[in-house]
Amino acid sequence: GGFLYTHLQQKVRNAEALAQKYKQQQEALSAQLQVVYEHRSRLERSLQKERGEHKKTKEDFLVYKLEAQEALNKEKQDSMNRYGALSSQHKILKNQHEDVKKQLLDLQLQHNSLKLEHRKTLESHSQKYTQLQQEKDSEVANLQDTVFKLREESKLLRKAHQDVHSQLLNAQAQMEEFRQLKEALQKMPSFK
């Protein structure tokens, strides 16, 4: 009985030690579980917050996407309008270029024609100038001959004028002599 009692007491002590050990383990597990629960709670709150932010981000992205799509459509429409305007302007400029090209061709033809006409006129003027130069040289030679003849004639006329002047002086001298003679005769009594 004593041995059994001792044996049972030993078992009770062992059971109490085991129970104490299990209790400590349970308390440690409870503490760990509490930590896990708190961590899970924090994770859930964080997840909820992340979901809220994700939802808001998704909404913002949808708004941004819609605005970007509208802006893109507007930009596309503006680009199409600009392209249409530039295309029309290009057609106008192309037509103007063709007109200017045609005008340039006409002006080149006109320039060539005027150049040919200018060359012909220049040749004609050169011939006329040569002819006029020859006529001028001939006329100058004739005028020089005329001047020479007129100078000779002037010399002859000057000589004739001197001769007439001398004759006139002689005549005046004779008249003076006749007058003096007449006066002398008139003073003579026999003449009266």
Protein backbone atom coordinates (compact mmCIF):
# COMPACT_ATOMS: atom_id res chain seq x y z
CA GLY A 1 0.00 0.00 0.00
CA GLY A 2 2.85 2.35 0.90
CA PHE A 3 4.61 1.52 -2.31
CA LEU A 4 1.39 2.05 -4.26
CA TYR A 5 0.76 5.29 -2.40
CA THR A 6 4.24 6.47 -3.11
CA HIS A 7 3.90 5.37 -6.69
CA LEU A 8 0.56 7.18 -7.06
CA GLN A 9 1.94 10.27 -5.35
CA GLN A 10 4.84 10.23 -7.73
CA LYS A 11 2.41 9.95 -10.63
CA VAL A 12 0.32 12.81 -9.22
CA ARG A 13 3.45 14.97 -8.94
CA ASN A 14 4.45 13.99 -12.43
CA ALA A 15 0.91 14.77 -13.65
CA GLU A 16 0.92 18.11 -11.80
CA ALA A 17 4.35 18.92 -13.30
CA LEU A 18 3.09 17.90 -16.71
CA ALA A 19 -0.10 19.92 -16.16
CA GLN A 20 2.00 22.91 -15.06
CA LYS A 21 4.17 22.42 -18.11
CA TYR A 22 1.09 22.23 -20.35
CA LYS A 23 -0.39 25.27 -18.61
CA GLN A 24 2.79 27.24 -19.21
CA GLN A 25 2.80 26.07 -22.83
CA GLN A 26 -0.87 27.01 -23.09
CA GLU A 27 -0.17 30.46 -21.64
CA ALA A 28 2.78 30.87 -24.03
CA LEU A 29 0.59 29.71 -26.94
CA SER A 30 -2.21 32.04 -25.76
CA ALA A 31 0.26 34.93 -25.67
CA GLN A 32 1.56 33.97 -29.10
CA LEU A 33 -2.02 33.58 -30.34
CA GLN A 34 -2.87 37.03 -28.93
CA VAL A 35 0.15 38.45 -30.74
CA VAL A 36 -0.99 36.64 -33.91
CA TYR A 37 -4.55 37.99 -33.48
CA GLU A 38 -3.26 41.51 -33.01
CA HIS A 39 -0.96 41.12 -35.99
CA ARG A 40 -3.87 39.72 -38.00
CA SER A 41 -6.05 42.62 -36.86
CA ARG A 42 -3.37 45.08 -37.91
CA LEU A 43 -2.98 43.24 -41.20
CA GLU A 44 -6.75 43.31 -41.76
CA ARG A 45 -6.87 47.05 -41.00
CA SER A 46 -3.88 47.60 -43.26
CA LEU A 47 -5.52 45.42 -45.92
CA GLN A 48 -8.76 47.37 -45.55
CA LYS A 49 -6.83 50.61 -45.86
CA GLU A 50 -4.94 49.24 -48.87
CA ARG A 51 -8.25 48.15 -50.42
CA GLY A 52 -9.68 51.63 -49.83
CA GLU A 53 -6.60 53.25 -51.32
CA HIS A 54 -6.65 50.76 -54.17
CA LYS A 55 -10.31 51.52 -54.80
CA LYS A 56 -9.60 55.26 -54.72
CA THR A 57 -6.55 54.76 -56.96
CA LYS A 58 -8.67 52.68 -59.32
CA GLU A 59 -11.35 55.38 -59.39
CA ASP A 60 -8.72 58.08 -59.90
CA PHE A 61 -7.17 55.98 -62.66
CA LEU A 62 -10.57 55.56 -64.33
CA VAL A 63 -11.16 59.32 -64.11
CA TYR A 64 -7.64 59.97 -65.43
CA LYS A 65 -8.17 57.38 -68.18
CA LEU A 66 -11.47 59.02 -69.16
CA GLU A 67 -9.91 62.51 -69.13
CA ALA A 68 -6.90 61.24 -71.04
CA GLN A 69 -9.19 59.58 -73.59
CA GLU A 70 -11.18 62.79 -73.97
CA ALA A 71 -7.97 64.83 -74.29
CA LEU A 72 -6.64 62.32 -76.80
CA ASN A 73 -9.86 62.47 -78.82
CA LYS A 74 -9.77 66.28 -78.71
CA GLU A 75 -6.11 66.31 -79.72
CA LYS A 76 -6.90 63.83 -82.49
CA GLN A 77 -9.78 66.02 -83.70
CA ASP A 78 -7.57 69.12 -83.53
CA SER A 79 -4.84 67.27 -85.42
CA MET A 80 -7.34 66.20 -88.07
CA ASN A 81 -8.58 69.79 -88.36
CA ARG A 82 -4.99 71.08 -88.59
CA TYR A 83 -4.18 68.39 -91.14
CA GLY A 84 -7.23 69.40 -93.18
CA ALA A 85 -6.23 73.07 -93.01
CA LEU A 86 -2.61 72.26 -93.90
CA SER A 87 -3.77 70.01 -96.73
CA SER A 88 -5.94 72.81 -98.14
CA GLN A 89 -3.07 75.28 -97.72
CA HIS A 90 -0.74 72.80 -99.41
CA LYS A 91 -3.10 72.52 -102.38
CA ILE A 92 -3.34 76.31 -102.62
CA LEU A 93 0.46 76.66 -102.40
CA LYS A 94 0.90 73.89 -104.94
CA ASN A 95 -1.44 75.68 -107.36
CA GLN A 96 0.39 78.96 -106.67
CA HIS A 97 3.69 77.17 -107.29
CA GLU A 98 2.39 75.87 -110.62
CA ASP A 99 1.20 79.38 -111.54
CA VAL A 100 4.58 80.88 -110.57
CA LYS A 101 6.35 78.12 -112.50
CA LYS A 102 4.23 78.92 -115.59
CA GLN A 103 4.87 82.65 -115.13
CA LEU A 104 8.60 81.95 -114.81
CA LEU A 105 8.52 79.92 -118.03
CA ASP A 106 6.62 82.70 -119.82
CA LEU A 107 9.08 85.30 -118.44
CA GLN A 108 12.02 83.16 -119.57
CA LEU A 109 10.55 82.93 -123.08
CA GLN A 110 9.86 86.67 -123.03
CA HIS A 111 13.39 87.31 -121.74
CA ASN A 112 14.89 85.20 -124.54
CA SER A 113 12.74 87.01 -127.09
CA LEU A 114 13.75 90.41 -125.66
CA LYS A 115 17.38 89.29 -125.57
CA LEU A 116 17.22 88.36 -129.27
CA GLU A 117 15.44 91.63 -130.08
CA HIS A 118 18.01 93.54 -128.02
CA ARG A 119 20.85 91.87 -129.92
CA LYS A 120 19.21 92.73 -133.26
CA THR A 121 18.61 96.32 -132.09
CA LEU A 122 22.20 96.55 -130.89
CA GLU A 123 23.50 95.32 -134.25
CA SER A 124 21.19 97.76 -136.06
CA HIS A 125 22.31 100.62 -133.82
CA SER A 126 25.92 99.63 -134.32
CA GLN A 127 25.45 99.73 -138.10
CA LYS A 128 23.63 103.06 -137.86
CA TYR A 129 26.35 104.41 -135.57
CA THR A 130 29.04 103.32 -138.02
CA GLN A 131 27.10 104.93 -140.87
CA LEU A 132 26.51 108.13 -138.88
CA GLN A 133 30.17 108.19 -137.85
CA GLN A 134 31.18 107.91 -141.51
CA GLU A 135 28.68 110.65 -142.48
CA LYS A 136 29.94 112.79 -139.59
CA ASP A 137 33.56 112.29 -140.64
CA SER A 138 32.62 113.21 -144.21
CA GLU A 139 30.62 116.24 -143.03
CA VAL A 140 33.50 117.34 -140.78
CA ALA A 141 35.89 117.05 -143.71
CA ASN A 142 33.47 119.09 -145.87
CA LEU A 143 33.08 121.67 -143.09
CA GLN A 144 36.86 121.87 -142.70
CA ASP A 145 37.14 122.51 -146.45
CA THR A 146 34.38 125.12 -146.21
CA VAL A 147 36.10 126.79 -143.24
CA PHE A 148 39.38 126.83 -145.15
CA LYS A 149 37.67 128.37 -148.18
CA LEU A 150 35.85 130.90 -145.97
CA ARG A 151 39.14 131.83 -144.31
CA GLU A 152 40.75 132.33 -147.69
CA GLU A 153 37.71 134.35 -148.81
CA SER A 154 37.89 136.35 -145.57
CA LYS A 155 41.53 137.11 -146.27
CA LEU A 156 40.62 138.26 -149.78
CA LEU A 157 37.71 140.35 -148.44
CA ARG A 158 39.93 141.87 -145.76
CA LYS A 159 42.51 142.74 -148.44
CA ALA A 160 39.76 144.18 -150.65
CA HIS A 161 38.40 146.16 -147.70
CA GLN A 162 41.87 147.54 -147.02
CA ASP A 163 42.18 148.47 -150.69
CA VAL A 164 38.78 150.21 -150.65
CA HIS A 165 39.69 151.92 -147.40
CA SER A 166 42.94 153.12 -148.94
CA GLN A 167 41.07 154.32 -152.03
CA LEU A 168 38.56 156.08 -149.78
CA LEU A 169 41.35 157.78 -147.86
CA ASN A 170 42.94 158.81 -151.16
CA ALA A 171 39.59 160.12 -152.39
CA GLN A 172 39.07 162.04 -149.16
CA ALA A 173 42.56 163.48 -149.52
CA GLN A 174 41.79 164.49 -153.12
CA MET A 175 38.46 166.01 -152.02
CA GLU A 176 40.29 167.99 -149.37
CA GLU A 177 42.76 169.17 -151.99
CA PHE A 178 39.88 170.11 -154.32
CA ARG A 179 38.15 171.97 -151.50
CA GLN A 180 41.31 173.87 -150.60
CA LEU A 181 41.89 174.61 -154.28
CA LYS A 182 38.30 175.76 -154.66
CA GLU A 183 38.59 178.03 -151.64
CA ALA A 184 41.84 179.40 -152.95
CA LEU A 185 40.27 180.02 -156.36
CA GLN A 186 37.25 181.69 -154.82
CA LYS A 187 39.49 184.06 -152.92
CA MET A 188 41.25 185.14 -156.13
CA PRO A 189 39.70 188.37 -157.57
CA SER A 190 40.21 187.30 -161.12
CA PHE A 191 38.17 184.15 -160.46
CA LYS A 192 35.29 186.25 -159.19
